[in-house]
Amino acid sequence: MKYKKVEKIYNSFKKEEFIEYFSKIGYENSKDLYVGDGWQVTVGDEGIRQFKGFSLPSVKLTIMVREDISDQFMRELMVSFLKGGG
């Protein structure tokens, strides 16, 4: 099977939120590396991003996912980390 590499930066989420999510759907293989069936994710360090006077937490995810499950995996990740505002 072929794998696809995706690097994605999430703003306004804390590192602990990603650790909790990936721990539920997989397991921690080593520090900040989570593994599941057909995927592995490295959760980067939490930083701060300035946006129009606001300080937001920022976390980079490095994702290796099997091509045949990549669309579903990325969709489930996106839905799990949607935030509404108003």
N, C-alpha and C. Protein backbone atom coordinates (compact mmCIF):
# COMPACT_ATOMS: atom_id res chain seq x y z
N MET A 1 0.83 -1.19 0.00
CA MET A 1 0.00 0.00 0.00
C MET A 1 0.87 1.25 0.00
N LYS A 2 0.39 2.27 -0.68
CA LYS A 2 1.07 3.55 -0.70
C LYS A 2 0.57 4.42 0.44
N TYR A 3 1.48 5.25 0.94
CA TYR A 3 1.14 6.19 2.01
C TYR A 3 1.27 7.61 1.51
N LYS A 4 0.51 8.48 2.13
CA LYS A 4 0.48 9.89 1.77
C LYS A 4 0.91 10.69 3.00
N LYS A 5 1.78 11.69 2.79
CA LYS A 5 2.22 12.54 3.89
C LYS A 5 1.47 13.87 3.82
N VAL A 6 0.91 14.26 4.96
CA VAL A 6 0.18 15.53 5.06
C VAL A 6 0.72 16.28 6.26
N GLU A 7 1.08 17.53 6.07
CA GLU A 7 1.47 18.39 7.19
C GLU A 7 0.40 19.46 7.32
N LYS A 8 -0.15 19.57 8.51
CA LYS A 8 -1.27 20.48 8.72
C LYS A 8 -1.05 21.24 10.03
N ILE A 9 -1.30 22.55 9.99
CA ILE A 9 -1.19 23.38 11.18
C ILE A 9 -2.60 23.75 11.64
N TYR A 10 -2.88 23.46 12.89
CA TYR A 10 -4.17 23.80 13.49
C TYR A 10 -3.96 24.95 14.47
N ASN A 11 -4.78 25.98 14.33
CA ASN A 11 -4.76 27.12 15.25
C ASN A 11 -5.99 27.05 16.13
N SER A 12 -5.85 27.53 17.34
CA SER A 12 -6.90 27.62 18.37
C SER A 12 -7.21 26.28 19.04
N PHE A 13 -6.33 25.30 18.88
CA PHE A 13 -6.44 24.03 19.60
C PHE A 13 -5.14 23.80 20.35
N LYS A 14 -5.26 23.21 21.53
CA LYS A 14 -4.09 22.92 22.35
C LYS A 14 -3.55 21.52 22.00
N LYS A 15 -2.26 21.34 22.24
CA LYS A 15 -1.61 20.06 21.96
C LYS A 15 -2.32 18.92 22.70
N GLU A 16 -2.74 19.17 23.94
CA GLU A 16 -3.40 18.13 24.73
C GLU A 16 -4.66 17.60 24.06
N GLU A 17 -5.36 18.47 23.32
CA GLU A 17 -6.58 18.04 22.63
C GLU A 17 -6.26 17.00 21.55
N PHE A 18 -5.16 17.20 20.83
CA PHE A 18 -4.76 16.24 19.81
C PHE A 18 -4.26 14.94 20.44
N ILE A 19 -3.52 15.06 21.53
CA ILE A 19 -3.03 13.87 22.22
C ILE A 19 -4.21 13.02 22.70
N GLU A 20 -5.22 13.67 23.26
CA GLU A 20 -6.41 12.96 23.73
C GLU A 20 -7.13 12.28 22.56
N TYR A 21 -7.31 12.99 21.45
CA TYR A 21 -8.00 12.44 20.28
C TYR A 21 -7.27 11.22 19.71
N PHE A 22 -5.96 11.37 19.45
CA PHE A 22 -5.22 10.27 18.83
C PHE A 22 -5.02 9.10 19.79
N SER A 23 -5.02 9.36 21.10
CA SER A 23 -4.94 8.27 22.08
C SER A 23 -6.22 7.43 22.06
N LYS A 24 -7.34 8.05 21.74
CA LYS A 24 -8.62 7.33 21.69
C LYS A 24 -8.74 6.46 20.44
N ILE A 25 -8.18 6.92 19.31
CA ILE A 25 -8.35 6.16 18.07
C ILE A 25 -7.12 5.31 17.73
N GLY A 26 -6.05 5.46 18.49
CA GLY A 26 -4.82 4.70 18.26
C GLY A 26 -4.08 4.54 19.57
N TYR A 27 -2.75 4.48 19.49
CA TYR A 27 -1.94 4.37 20.71
C TYR A 27 -0.65 5.15 20.52
N GLU A 28 -0.04 5.52 21.65
CA GLU A 28 1.22 6.27 21.59
C GLU A 28 2.36 5.28 21.41
N ASN A 29 3.09 5.41 20.30
CA ASN A 29 4.20 4.53 19.97
C ASN A 29 5.49 5.03 20.61
N SER A 30 5.67 6.33 20.61
CA SER A 30 6.78 6.99 21.28
C SER A 30 6.33 8.41 21.56
N LYS A 31 7.17 9.20 22.19
CA LYS A 31 6.75 10.55 22.57
C LYS A 31 6.21 11.32 21.36
N ASP A 32 4.96 11.73 21.46
CA ASP A 32 4.26 12.53 20.45
C ASP A 32 4.01 11.82 19.13
N LEU A 33 4.22 10.50 19.05
CA LEU A 33 3.94 9.73 17.84
C LEU A 33 2.81 8.75 18.15
N TYR A 34 1.70 8.90 17.42
CA TYR A 34 0.52 8.08 17.62
C TYR A 34 0.29 7.24 16.37
N VAL A 35 -0.10 5.97 16.58
CA VAL A 35 -0.21 5.01 15.50
C VAL A 35 -1.56 4.31 15.56
N GLY A 36 -2.15 4.08 14.40
CA GLY A 36 -3.38 3.32 14.29
C GLY A 36 -3.33 2.47 13.04
N ASP A 37 -4.45 1.86 12.68
CA ASP A 37 -4.51 0.99 11.52
C ASP A 37 -4.41 1.81 10.24
N GLY A 38 -3.24 1.82 9.62
CA GLY A 38 -3.03 2.53 8.36
C GLY A 38 -2.61 3.98 8.49
N TRP A 39 -2.27 4.42 9.69
CA TRP A 39 -1.88 5.82 9.86
C TRP A 39 -0.91 5.98 11.03
N GLN A 40 -0.16 7.08 11.00
CA GLN A 40 0.62 7.52 12.15
C GLN A 40 0.68 9.04 12.10
N VAL A 41 0.67 9.64 13.29
CA VAL A 41 0.65 11.10 13.40
C VAL A 41 1.68 11.53 14.43
N THR A 42 2.49 12.51 14.05
CA THR A 42 3.39 13.16 14.99
C THR A 42 2.75 14.49 15.38
N VAL A 43 2.54 14.67 16.68
CA VAL A 43 1.95 15.91 17.20
C VAL A 43 3.11 16.82 17.59
N GLY A 44 3.23 17.94 16.90
CA GLY A 44 4.32 18.87 17.15
C GLY A 44 4.13 19.66 18.43
N ASP A 45 5.14 20.45 18.76
CA ASP A 45 5.07 21.30 19.94
C ASP A 45 4.02 22.39 19.76
N GLU A 46 3.45 22.82 20.86
CA GLU A 46 2.46 23.89 20.82
C GLU A 46 3.18 25.24 20.79
N GLY A 47 2.77 26.07 19.86
CA GLY A 47 3.30 27.42 19.78
C GLY A 47 2.17 28.42 19.92
N ILE A 48 2.50 29.68 19.75
CA ILE A 48 1.50 30.76 19.81
C ILE A 48 1.52 31.50 18.49
N ARG A 49 0.34 31.75 17.94
CA ARG A 49 0.22 32.51 16.70
C ARG A 49 -0.59 33.76 16.99
N GLN A 50 -0.09 34.89 16.54
CA GLN A 50 -0.80 36.16 16.71
C GLN A 50 -1.73 36.35 15.52
N PHE A 51 -2.99 36.66 15.81
CA PHE A 51 -3.96 36.88 14.75
C PHE A 51 -4.86 38.04 15.15
N LYS A 52 -4.67 39.18 14.50
CA LYS A 52 -5.47 40.38 14.74
C LYS A 52 -5.60 40.71 16.23
N GLY A 53 -4.49 40.70 16.92
CA GLY A 53 -4.49 41.07 18.33
C GLY A 53 -4.79 39.92 19.28
N PHE A 54 -5.09 38.75 18.76
CA PHE A 54 -5.36 37.58 19.59
C PHE A 54 -4.16 36.65 19.58
N SER A 55 -3.91 36.02 20.70
CA SER A 55 -2.88 34.98 20.78
C SER A 55 -3.57 33.63 20.75
N LEU A 56 -3.27 32.83 19.74
CA LEU A 56 -3.90 31.53 19.58
C LEU A 56 -2.87 30.42 19.68
N PRO A 57 -3.21 29.31 20.36
CA PRO A 57 -2.30 28.17 20.33
C PRO A 57 -2.24 27.61 18.92
N SER A 58 -1.11 27.06 18.55
CA SER A 58 -0.90 26.53 17.20
C SER A 58 -0.13 25.22 17.32
N VAL A 59 -0.61 24.19 16.62
CA VAL A 59 0.03 22.87 16.67
C VAL A 59 0.16 22.32 15.25
N LYS A 60 1.34 21.81 14.93
CA LYS A 60 1.57 21.19 13.62
C LYS A 60 1.45 19.68 13.75
N LEU A 61 0.65 19.08 12.85
CA LEU A 61 0.53 17.63 12.78
C LEU A 61 1.23 17.15 11.52
N THR A 62 2.03 16.11 11.65
CA THR A 62 2.63 15.45 10.50
C THR A 62 1.98 14.08 10.41
N ILE A 63 1.23 13.87 9.33
CA ILE A 63 0.38 12.69 9.19
C ILE A 63 0.90 11.82 8.05
N MET A 64 1.06 10.54 8.32
CA MET A 64 1.34 9.54 7.29
C MET A 64 0.13 8.61 7.29
N VAL A 65 -0.58 8.56 6.17
CA VAL A 65 -1.81 7.79 6.12
C VAL A 65 -1.88 7.01 4.81
N ARG A 66 -2.37 5.78 4.89
CA ARG A 66 -2.54 4.97 3.69
C ARG A 66 -3.48 5.68 2.73
N GLU A 67 -3.13 5.67 1.46
CA GLU A 67 -3.93 6.40 0.46
C GLU A 67 -5.38 5.94 0.41
N ASP A 68 -5.63 4.65 0.61
CA ASP A 68 -7.00 4.14 0.50
C ASP A 68 -7.91 4.58 1.64
N ILE A 69 -7.34 5.08 2.74
CA ILE A 69 -8.16 5.55 3.86
C ILE A 69 -7.95 7.04 4.14
N SER A 70 -7.13 7.70 3.34
CA SER A 70 -6.75 9.09 3.64
C SER A 70 -7.94 10.05 3.65
N ASP A 71 -8.85 9.93 2.68
CA ASP A 71 -9.99 10.85 2.64
C ASP A 71 -10.85 10.72 3.90
N GLN A 72 -11.16 9.49 4.28
CA GLN A 72 -11.99 9.26 5.46
C GLN A 72 -11.26 9.72 6.73
N PHE A 73 -9.98 9.40 6.85
CA PHE A 73 -9.20 9.78 8.03
C PHE A 73 -9.17 11.30 8.18
N MET A 74 -8.89 12.01 7.09
CA MET A 74 -8.80 13.47 7.15
C MET A 74 -10.17 14.10 7.41
N ARG A 75 -11.22 13.53 6.86
CA ARG A 75 -12.58 14.04 7.09
C ARG A 75 -12.96 13.89 8.57
N GLU A 76 -12.67 12.72 9.16
CA GLU A 76 -12.99 12.50 10.57
C GLU A 76 -12.17 13.42 11.48
N LEU A 77 -10.92 13.66 11.12
CA LEU A 77 -10.08 14.58 11.88
C LEU A 77 -10.66 15.99 11.80
N MET A 78 -11.03 16.42 10.60
CA MET A 78 -11.58 17.76 10.41
C MET A 78 -12.87 17.94 11.23
N VAL A 79 -13.77 16.97 11.16
CA VAL A 79 -15.03 17.07 11.89
C VAL A 79 -14.79 17.10 13.40
N SER A 80 -13.82 16.35 13.87
CA SER A 80 -13.52 16.31 15.31
C SER A 80 -12.97 17.63 15.83
N PHE A 81 -12.40 18.44 14.93
CA PHE A 81 -11.79 19.70 15.36
C PHE A 81 -12.43 20.92 14.72
N LEU A 82 -13.72 20.82 14.43
CA LEU A 82 -14.47 21.99 13.96
C LEU A 82 -14.85 22.84 15.16
N LYS A 83 -14.80 24.14 14.99
CA LYS A 83 -15.27 25.06 16.02
C LYS A 83 -16.21 26.05 15.37
N GLY A 84 -17.29 26.32 16.03
CA GLY A 84 -18.22 27.34 15.54
C GLY A 84 -18.01 28.62 16.32
N GLY A 85 -18.27 29.70 15.69
CA GLY A 85 -18.12 30.99 16.37
C GLY A 85 -19.31 31.87 16.04
N GLY A 86 -19.43 32.89 16.78
CA GLY A 86 -20.55 33.77 16.47
C GLY A 86 -20.46 35.05 17.23
